[in-house]
């Protein structure tokens, strides 16, 4: 385990909010803002020594922490909430596949394609953009897929906030992945993709009751 792994932060109800560093997590522990934890013990952070007792402080940081004072949770839990659109999360939504030719590409070989071109009244929104390799994007040009004779391999969708948090993550641990997947909509295209990975973990995800 390295310090490169981020901690999944949630609100008290368990709504996923964001990824934070271990330094941010330690700050939340010391401010007594961690209500409960889930998943595995991720880091054991040693602090300074108590001048009177000589004992050194230790904080156990779990992979998932539920915190108080998260005012943005209400907004992000709203079904009408739309996460910001950017290429990195778009490419992850589509599993780095060109949705025209179906080939897997590296990020620098991918581009954002507007299913209905902006010049024809299309909008720059999740439901009108797909990942396309640069060749297919150039081939499609300023046309709809029907006009270009290019069939879409999947229907573009707007991720919920929980899905968006997953798409933002890097080096996601199995218990974090299982926790996030439990918050995906039942018909989420990401559910099927993650199922084999989630099935590999037998970790207990119930709160540990640990409080800073």
C-alpha atoms as a PDB file:
ATOM      1  CA  UNK A   1       0.000   0.000   0.000  1.00  0.00           C
ATOM      2  CA  UNK A   2       1.354   3.470  -0.901  1.00  0.00           C
ATOM      3  CA  UNK A   3       0.375   6.987   0.081  1.00  0.00           C
ATOM      4  CA  UNK A   4      -0.858   7.501  -3.481  1.00  0.00           C
ATOM      5  CA  UNK A   5      -4.213   5.932  -2.652  1.00  0.00           C
ATOM      6  CA  UNK A   6      -6.960   8.456  -2.013  1.00  0.00           C
ATOM      7  CA  UNK A   7      -9.705   8.186   0.579  1.00  0.00           C
ATOM      8  CA  UNK A   8     -13.364   8.210  -0.420  1.00  0.00           C
ATOM      9  CA  UNK A   9     -15.240  10.876   1.537  1.00  0.00           C
ATOM     10  CA  UNK A  10     -19.003  10.609   2.087  1.00  0.00           C
ATOM     11  CA  UNK A  11     -21.620  12.505   4.027  1.00  0.00           C
ATOM     12  CA  UNK A  12     -23.299  11.053   7.118  1.00  0.00           C
ATOM     13  CA  UNK A  13     -25.930   9.268   5.018  1.00  0.00           C
ATOM     14  CA  UNK A  14     -23.211   7.529   2.991  1.00  0.00           C
ATOM     15  CA  UNK A  15     -23.566   9.641  -0.159  1.00  0.00           C
ATOM     16  CA  UNK A  16     -20.170   9.658  -1.947  1.00  0.00           C
ATOM     17  CA  UNK A  17     -18.803  13.194  -2.184  1.00  0.00           C
ATOM     18  CA  UNK A  18     -15.204  13.266  -3.353  1.00  0.00           C
ATOM     19  CA  UNK A  19     -11.692  11.834  -3.217  1.00  0.00           C
ATOM     20  CA  UNK A  20      -9.355  13.315  -0.625  1.00  0.00           C
ATOM     21  CA  UNK A  21      -5.697  12.825   0.234  1.00  0.00           C
ATOM     22  CA  UNK A  22      -4.544  11.167   3.437  1.00  0.00           C
ATOM     23  CA  UNK A  23      -3.486  14.621   4.701  1.00  0.00           C
ATOM     24  CA  UNK A  24      -7.045  15.905   4.245  1.00  0.00           C
ATOM     25  CA  UNK A  25      -8.395  12.793   5.964  1.00  0.00           C
ATOM     26  CA  UNK A  26      -6.083  13.256   8.958  1.00  0.00           C
ATOM     27  CA  UNK A  27      -7.275  16.860   9.229  1.00  0.00           C
ATOM     28  CA  UNK A  28     -10.884  15.647   9.341  1.00  0.00           C
ATOM     29  CA  UNK A  29     -10.010  13.109  12.038  1.00  0.00           C
ATOM     30  CA  UNK A  30      -8.240  15.702  14.176  1.00  0.00           C
ATOM     31  CA  UNK A  31     -11.150  18.154  13.807  1.00  0.00           C
ATOM     32  CA  UNK A  32     -13.495  15.393  15.005  1.00  0.00           C
ATOM     33  CA  UNK A  33     -15.485  15.532  11.761  1.00  0.00           C
ATOM     34  CA  UNK A  34     -15.289  11.802  10.998  1.00  0.00           C
ATOM     35  CA  UNK A  35     -18.554  10.219  12.142  1.00  0.00           C
ATOM     36  CA  UNK A  36     -17.794   6.643  11.098  1.00  0.00           C
ATOM     37  CA  UNK A  37     -15.580   4.717   8.707  1.00  0.00           C
ATOM     38  CA  UNK A  38     -16.012   1.853   6.246  1.00  0.00           C
ATOM     39  CA  UNK A  39     -13.753  -0.482   4.361  1.00  0.00           C
ATOM     40  CA  UNK A  40     -10.219  -1.418   5.250  1.00  0.00           C
ATOM     41  CA  UNK A  41      -7.691   0.354   7.405  1.00  0.00           C
ATOM     42  CA  UNK A  42      -5.626   2.130   4.771  1.00  0.00           C
ATOM     43  CA  UNK A  43      -2.973   4.156   6.594  1.00  0.00           C
ATOM     44  CA  UNK A  44      -1.497   4.368  10.084  1.00  0.00           C
ATOM     45  CA  UNK A  45      -0.288   7.942  10.472  1.00  0.00           C
ATOM     46  CA  UNK A  46       2.091   8.821  13.324  1.00  0.00           C
ATOM     47  CA  UNK A  47       2.090  12.353  14.752  1.00  0.00           C
ATOM     48  CA  UNK A  48       4.043  14.134  17.423  1.00  0.00           C
ATOM     49  CA  UNK A  49       4.876  13.108  21.003  1.00  0.00           C
ATOM     50  CA  UNK A  50       2.897  14.260  24.022  1.00  0.00           C
ATOM     51  CA  UNK A  51       5.202  16.334  26.223  1.00  0.00           C
ATOM     52  CA  UNK A  52       3.604  15.047  29.435  1.00  0.00           C
ATOM     53  CA  UNK A  53       3.070  11.345  28.688  1.00  0.00           C
ATOM     54  CA  UNK A  54       5.769  10.858  26.081  1.00  0.00           C
ATOM     55  CA  UNK A  55       3.306   8.906  23.959  1.00  0.00           C
ATOM     56  CA  UNK A  56       3.158   9.446  20.217  1.00  0.00           C
ATOM     57  CA  UNK A  57      -0.197  10.156  18.572  1.00  0.00           C
ATOM     58  CA  UNK A  58      -1.470   7.694  15.972  1.00  0.00           C
ATOM     59  CA  UNK A  59      -4.388   8.066  13.570  1.00  0.00           C
ATOM     60  CA  UNK A  60      -5.804   5.074  11.706  1.00  0.00           C
ATOM     61  CA  UNK A  61      -7.176   6.208   8.354  1.00  0.00           C
ATOM     62  CA  UNK A  62      -9.759   4.012   6.625  1.00  0.00           C
ATOM     63  CA  UNK A  63     -10.388   3.863   2.887  1.00  0.00           C
ATOM     64  CA  UNK A  64     -13.885   5.365   3.305  1.00  0.00           C
ATOM     65  CA  UNK A  65     -14.775   8.086   5.810  1.00  0.00           C
ATOM     66  CA  UNK A  66     -18.191   9.568   6.537  1.00  0.00           C
ATOM     67  CA  UNK A  67     -18.015  13.189   7.637  1.00  0.00           C
ATOM     68  CA  UNK A  68     -20.165  15.977   8.994  1.00  0.00           C
ATOM     69  CA  UNK A  69     -20.465  19.478   7.618  1.00  0.00           C
ATOM     70  CA  UNK A  70     -20.796  18.472   3.947  1.00  0.00           C
ATOM     71  CA  UNK A  71     -23.234  21.104   2.709  1.00  0.00           C
ATOM     72  CA  UNK A  72     -22.835  20.095  -0.950  1.00  0.00           C
ATOM     73  CA  UNK A  73     -24.247  16.622  -0.275  1.00  0.00           C
ATOM     74  CA  UNK A  74     -27.862  17.744  -0.691  1.00  0.00           C
ATOM     75  CA  UNK A  75     -27.139  19.193  -4.120  1.00  0.00           C
ATOM     76  CA  UNK A  76     -25.117  16.226  -5.335  1.00  0.00           C
ATOM     77  CA  UNK A  77     -27.746  13.764  -4.164  1.00  0.00           C
ATOM     78  CA  UNK A  78     -30.445  15.533  -6.166  1.00  0.00           C
ATOM     79  CA  UNK A  79     -31.539  13.503  -9.236  1.00  0.00           C
ATOM     80  CA  UNK A  80     -31.452  16.741 -11.263  1.00  0.00           C
ATOM     81  CA  UNK A  81     -27.771  17.344 -10.457  1.00  0.00           C
ATOM     82  CA  UNK A  82     -25.554  17.273 -13.555  1.00  0.00           C
ATOM     83  CA  UNK A  83     -21.794  16.858 -12.992  1.00  0.00           C
ATOM     84  CA  UNK A  84     -19.388  19.004 -15.033  1.00  0.00           C
ATOM     85  CA  UNK A  85     -18.406  17.620 -18.424  1.00  0.00           C
ATOM     86  CA  UNK A  86     -14.726  17.122 -19.216  1.00  0.00           C
ATOM     87  CA  UNK A  87     -12.808  14.824 -21.537  1.00  0.00           C
ATOM     88  CA  UNK A  88     -11.065  12.755 -18.860  1.00  0.00           C
ATOM     89  CA  UNK A  89     -14.319  11.601 -17.261  1.00  0.00           C
ATOM     90  CA  UNK A  90     -16.052  11.302 -20.648  1.00  0.00           C
ATOM     91  CA  UNK A  91     -13.350   8.903 -21.874  1.00  0.00           C
ATOM     92  CA  UNK A  92     -13.637   6.866 -18.663  1.00  0.00           C
ATOM     93  CA  UNK A  93     -17.438   6.778 -18.988  1.00  0.00           C
ATOM     94  CA  UNK A  94     -16.987   5.159 -22.399  1.00  0.00           C
ATOM     95  CA  UNK A  95     -14.159   2.890 -21.162  1.00  0.00           C
ATOM     96  CA  UNK A  96     -11.664   4.554 -23.530  1.00  0.00           C
ATOM     97  CA  UNK A  97     -13.448   2.979 -26.495  1.00  0.00           C
ATOM     98  CA  UNK A  98     -14.310   4.758 -29.709  1.00  0.00           C
ATOM     99  CA  UNK A  99     -18.099   4.441 -29.828  1.00  0.00           C
ATOM    100  CA  UNK A 100     -18.024   4.266 -33.617  1.00  0.00           C
ATOM    101  CA  UNK A 101     -15.337   1.699 -34.462  1.00  0.00           C
ATOM    102  CA  UNK A 102     -15.194   0.053 -31.013  1.00  0.00           C
ATOM    103  CA  UNK A 103     -11.404   0.186 -30.723  1.00  0.00           C
ATOM    104  CA  UNK A 104      -9.704   0.874 -27.391  1.00  0.00           C
ATOM    105  CA  UNK A 105      -7.344   3.840 -27.576  1.00  0.00           C
ATOM    106  CA  UNK A 106      -4.961   5.777 -25.367  1.00  0.00           C
ATOM    107  CA  UNK A 107      -6.298   9.091 -24.086  1.00  0.00           C
ATOM    108  CA  UNK A 108      -4.204  11.198 -26.427  1.00  0.00           C
ATOM    109  CA  UNK A 109      -5.709   9.324 -29.399  1.00  0.00           C
ATOM    110  CA  UNK A 110      -9.291  10.083 -28.332  1.00  0.00           C
ATOM    111  CA  UNK A 111     -11.540  13.087 -28.853  1.00  0.00           C
ATOM    112  CA  UNK A 112     -14.970  14.401 -27.861  1.00  0.00           C
ATOM    113  CA  UNK A 113     -17.541  13.981 -30.617  1.00  0.00           C
ATOM    114  CA  UNK A 114     -20.903  15.718 -30.639  1.00  0.00           C
ATOM    115  CA  UNK A 115     -23.479  13.212 -31.849  1.00  0.00           C
ATOM    116  CA  UNK A 116     -25.579  16.076 -33.175  1.00  0.00           C
ATOM    117  CA  UNK A 117     -23.012  18.680 -34.265  1.00  0.00           C
ATOM    118  CA  UNK A 118     -23.120  22.016 -32.469  1.00  0.00           C
ATOM    119  CA  UNK A 119     -23.399  23.759 -35.846  1.00  0.00           C
ATOM    120  CA  UNK A 120     -26.654  21.852 -36.369  1.00  0.00           C
ATOM    121  CA  UNK A 121     -28.129  22.800 -33.006  1.00  0.00           C
ATOM    122  CA  UNK A 122     -26.505  20.120 -30.843  1.00  0.00           C
ATOM    123  CA  UNK A 123     -25.472  20.919 -27.274  1.00  0.00           C
ATOM    124  CA  UNK A 124     -22.228  20.258 -25.412  1.00  0.00           C
ATOM    125  CA  UNK A 125     -23.890  17.999 -22.827  1.00  0.00           C
ATOM    126  CA  UNK A 126     -23.305  14.437 -21.584  1.00  0.00           C
ATOM    127  CA  UNK A 127     -26.209  12.999 -23.594  1.00  0.00           C
ATOM    128  CA  UNK A 128     -24.907  14.473 -26.866  1.00  0.00           C
ATOM    129  CA  UNK A 129     -21.216  13.604 -26.622  1.00  0.00           C
ATOM    130  CA  UNK A 130     -19.321  10.353 -27.052  1.00  0.00           C
ATOM    131  CA  UNK A 131     -15.732   9.224 -27.103  1.00  0.00           C
ATOM    132  CA  UNK A 132     -14.375   8.869 -30.632  1.00  0.00           C
ATOM    133  CA  UNK A 133     -10.959   8.114 -32.022  1.00  0.00           C
ATOM    134  CA  UNK A 134      -9.627  11.014 -34.070  1.00  0.00           C
ATOM    135  CA  UNK A 135      -9.980   9.043 -37.301  1.00  0.00           C
ATOM    136  CA  UNK A 136     -13.687   8.370 -36.775  1.00  0.00           C
ATOM    137  CA  UNK A 137     -14.289  11.922 -35.589  1.00  0.00           C
ATOM    138  CA  UNK A 138     -12.736  13.275 -38.789  1.00  0.00           C
ATOM    139  CA  UNK A 139     -14.645  10.749 -40.892  1.00  0.00           C
ATOM    140  CA  UNK A 140     -17.968  11.715 -39.316  1.00  0.00           C
ATOM    141  CA  UNK A 141     -17.242  15.407 -39.712  1.00  0.00           C
ATOM    142  CA  UNK A 142     -20.092  17.873 -39.425  1.00  0.00           C
ATOM    143  CA  UNK A 143     -22.786  15.211 -39.750  1.00  0.00           C
ATOM    144  CA  UNK A 144     -25.025  13.104 -37.542  1.00  0.00           C
ATOM    145  CA  UNK A 145     -24.198   9.385 -37.277  1.00  0.00           C
ATOM    146  CA  UNK A 146     -27.148   8.602 -39.583  1.00  0.00           C
ATOM    147  CA  UNK A 147     -25.925  11.028 -42.219  1.00  0.00           C
ATOM    148  CA  UNK A 148     -22.403   9.635 -42.000  1.00  0.00           C
ATOM    149  CA  UNK A 149     -23.552   6.001 -42.017  1.00  0.00           C
ATOM    150  CA  UNK A 150     -21.785   5.393 -38.691  1.00  0.00           C
ATOM    151  CA  UNK A 151     -23.685   3.497 -36.005  1.00  0.00           C
ATOM    152  CA  UNK A 152     -23.234   4.381 -32.341  1.00  0.00           C
ATOM    153  CA  UNK A 153     -22.222   1.380 -30.223  1.00  0.00           C
ATOM    154  CA  UNK A 154     -23.755   2.746 -27.003  1.00  0.00           C
ATOM    155  CA  UNK A 155     -26.195   5.419 -25.903  1.00  0.00           C
ATOM    156  CA  UNK A 156     -24.502   8.400 -24.191  1.00  0.00           C
ATOM    157  CA  UNK A 157     -25.740   9.076 -20.665  1.00  0.00           C
ATOM    158  CA  UNK A 158     -25.326  11.608 -17.884  1.00  0.00           C
ATOM    159  CA  UNK A 159     -23.553  10.063 -14.881  1.00  0.00           C
ATOM    160  CA  UNK A 160     -24.981  10.569 -11.420  1.00  0.00           C
ATOM    161  CA  UNK A 161     -22.696  12.145  -8.855  1.00  0.00           C
ATOM    162  CA  UNK A 162     -21.727   8.726  -7.446  1.00  0.00           C
ATOM    163  CA  UNK A 163     -20.827   7.566 -10.950  1.00  0.00           C
ATOM    164  CA  UNK A 164     -18.933  10.801 -11.527  1.00  0.00           C
ATOM    165  CA  UNK A 165     -16.895  10.258  -8.350  1.00  0.00           C
ATOM    166  CA  UNK A 166     -15.988   6.787  -9.657  1.00  0.00           C
ATOM    167  CA  UNK A 167     -14.996   8.218 -13.044  1.00  0.00           C
ATOM    168  CA  UNK A 168     -12.727  10.744 -11.326  1.00  0.00           C
ATOM    169  CA  UNK A 169     -10.969   8.111  -9.252  1.00  0.00           C
ATOM    170  CA  UNK A 170      -7.528   6.647  -9.818  1.00  0.00           C
ATOM    171  CA  UNK A 171      -6.151   3.462  -8.247  1.00  0.00           C
ATOM    172  CA  UNK A 172      -9.560   2.708  -6.747  1.00  0.00           C
ATOM    173  CA  UNK A 173      -9.503  -0.053  -4.129  1.00  0.00           C
ATOM    174  CA  UNK A 174     -11.940  -2.958  -4.257  1.00  0.00           C
ATOM    175  CA  UNK A 175     -13.875  -1.885  -1.169  1.00  0.00           C
ATOM    176  CA  UNK A 176     -14.183   1.685  -2.473  1.00  0.00           C
ATOM    177  CA  UNK A 177     -15.364   0.357  -5.830  1.00  0.00           C
ATOM    178  CA  UNK A 178     -17.990  -1.852  -4.223  1.00  0.00           C
ATOM    179  CA  UNK A 179     -19.201   1.036  -2.071  1.00  0.00           C
ATOM    180  CA  UNK A 180     -19.540   3.356  -5.074  1.00  0.00           C
ATOM    181  CA  UNK A 181     -21.259   0.711  -7.186  1.00  0.00           C
ATOM    182  CA  UNK A 182     -23.911   0.278  -4.498  1.00  0.00           C
ATOM    183  CA  UNK A 183     -24.878   3.928  -5.125  1.00  0.00           C
ATOM    184  CA  UNK A 184     -25.162   3.574  -8.911  1.00  0.00           C
ATOM    185  CA  UNK A 185     -28.642   3.533 -10.479  1.00  0.00           C
ATOM    186  CA  UNK A 186     -29.975   0.023 -11.021  1.00  0.00           C
ATOM    187  CA  UNK A 187     -29.754   0.361 -14.814  1.00  0.00           C
ATOM    188  CA  UNK A 188     -26.351   2.059 -14.844  1.00  0.00           C
ATOM    189  CA  UNK A 189     -24.110   0.891 -17.715  1.00  0.00           C
ATOM    190  CA  UNK A 190     -21.203   1.050 -15.255  1.00  0.00           C
ATOM    191  CA  UNK A 191     -22.731  -1.634 -13.008  1.00  0.00           C
ATOM    192  CA  UNK A 192     -22.108  -4.454 -15.468  1.00  0.00           C
ATOM    193  CA  UNK A 193     -18.589  -3.239 -16.193  1.00  0.00           C
ATOM    194  CA  UNK A 194     -17.639  -3.264 -12.505  1.00  0.00           C
ATOM    195  CA  UNK A 195     -19.433  -6.444 -11.426  1.00  0.00           C
ATOM    196  CA  UNK A 196     -16.491  -8.861 -11.970  1.00  0.00           C
ATOM    197  CA  UNK A 197     -14.176  -6.537 -10.038  1.00  0.00           C
ATOM    198  CA  UNK A 198     -16.605  -6.061  -7.179  1.00  0.00           C
ATOM    199  CA  UNK A 199     -17.214  -9.803  -6.889  1.00  0.00           C
ATOM    200  CA  UNK A 200     -13.526 -10.350  -6.156  1.00  0.00           C
ATOM    201  CA  UNK A 201     -13.685  -8.594  -2.804  1.00  0.00           C
ATOM    202  CA  UNK A 202     -15.105 -10.093   0.382  1.00  0.00           C
ATOM    203  CA  UNK A 203     -14.369  -7.053   2.513  1.00  0.00           C
ATOM    204  CA  UNK A 204     -16.938  -5.949   5.091  1.00  0.00           C
ATOM    205  CA  UNK A 205     -18.345  -2.538   4.200  1.00  0.00           C
ATOM    206  CA  UNK A 206     -20.398  -1.830   7.309  1.00  0.00           C
ATOM    207  CA  UNK A 207     -19.345   1.127   9.507  1.00  0.00           C
ATOM    208  CA  UNK A 208     -16.615   0.278  11.984  1.00  0.00           C
ATOM    209  CA  UNK A 209     -17.854   2.794  14.539  1.00  0.00           C
ATOM    210  CA  UNK A 210     -14.409   4.406  14.741  1.00  0.00           C
ATOM    211  CA  UNK A 211     -14.494   8.125  15.489  1.00  0.00           C
ATOM    212  CA  UNK A 212     -11.588  10.513  15.679  1.00  0.00           C
END
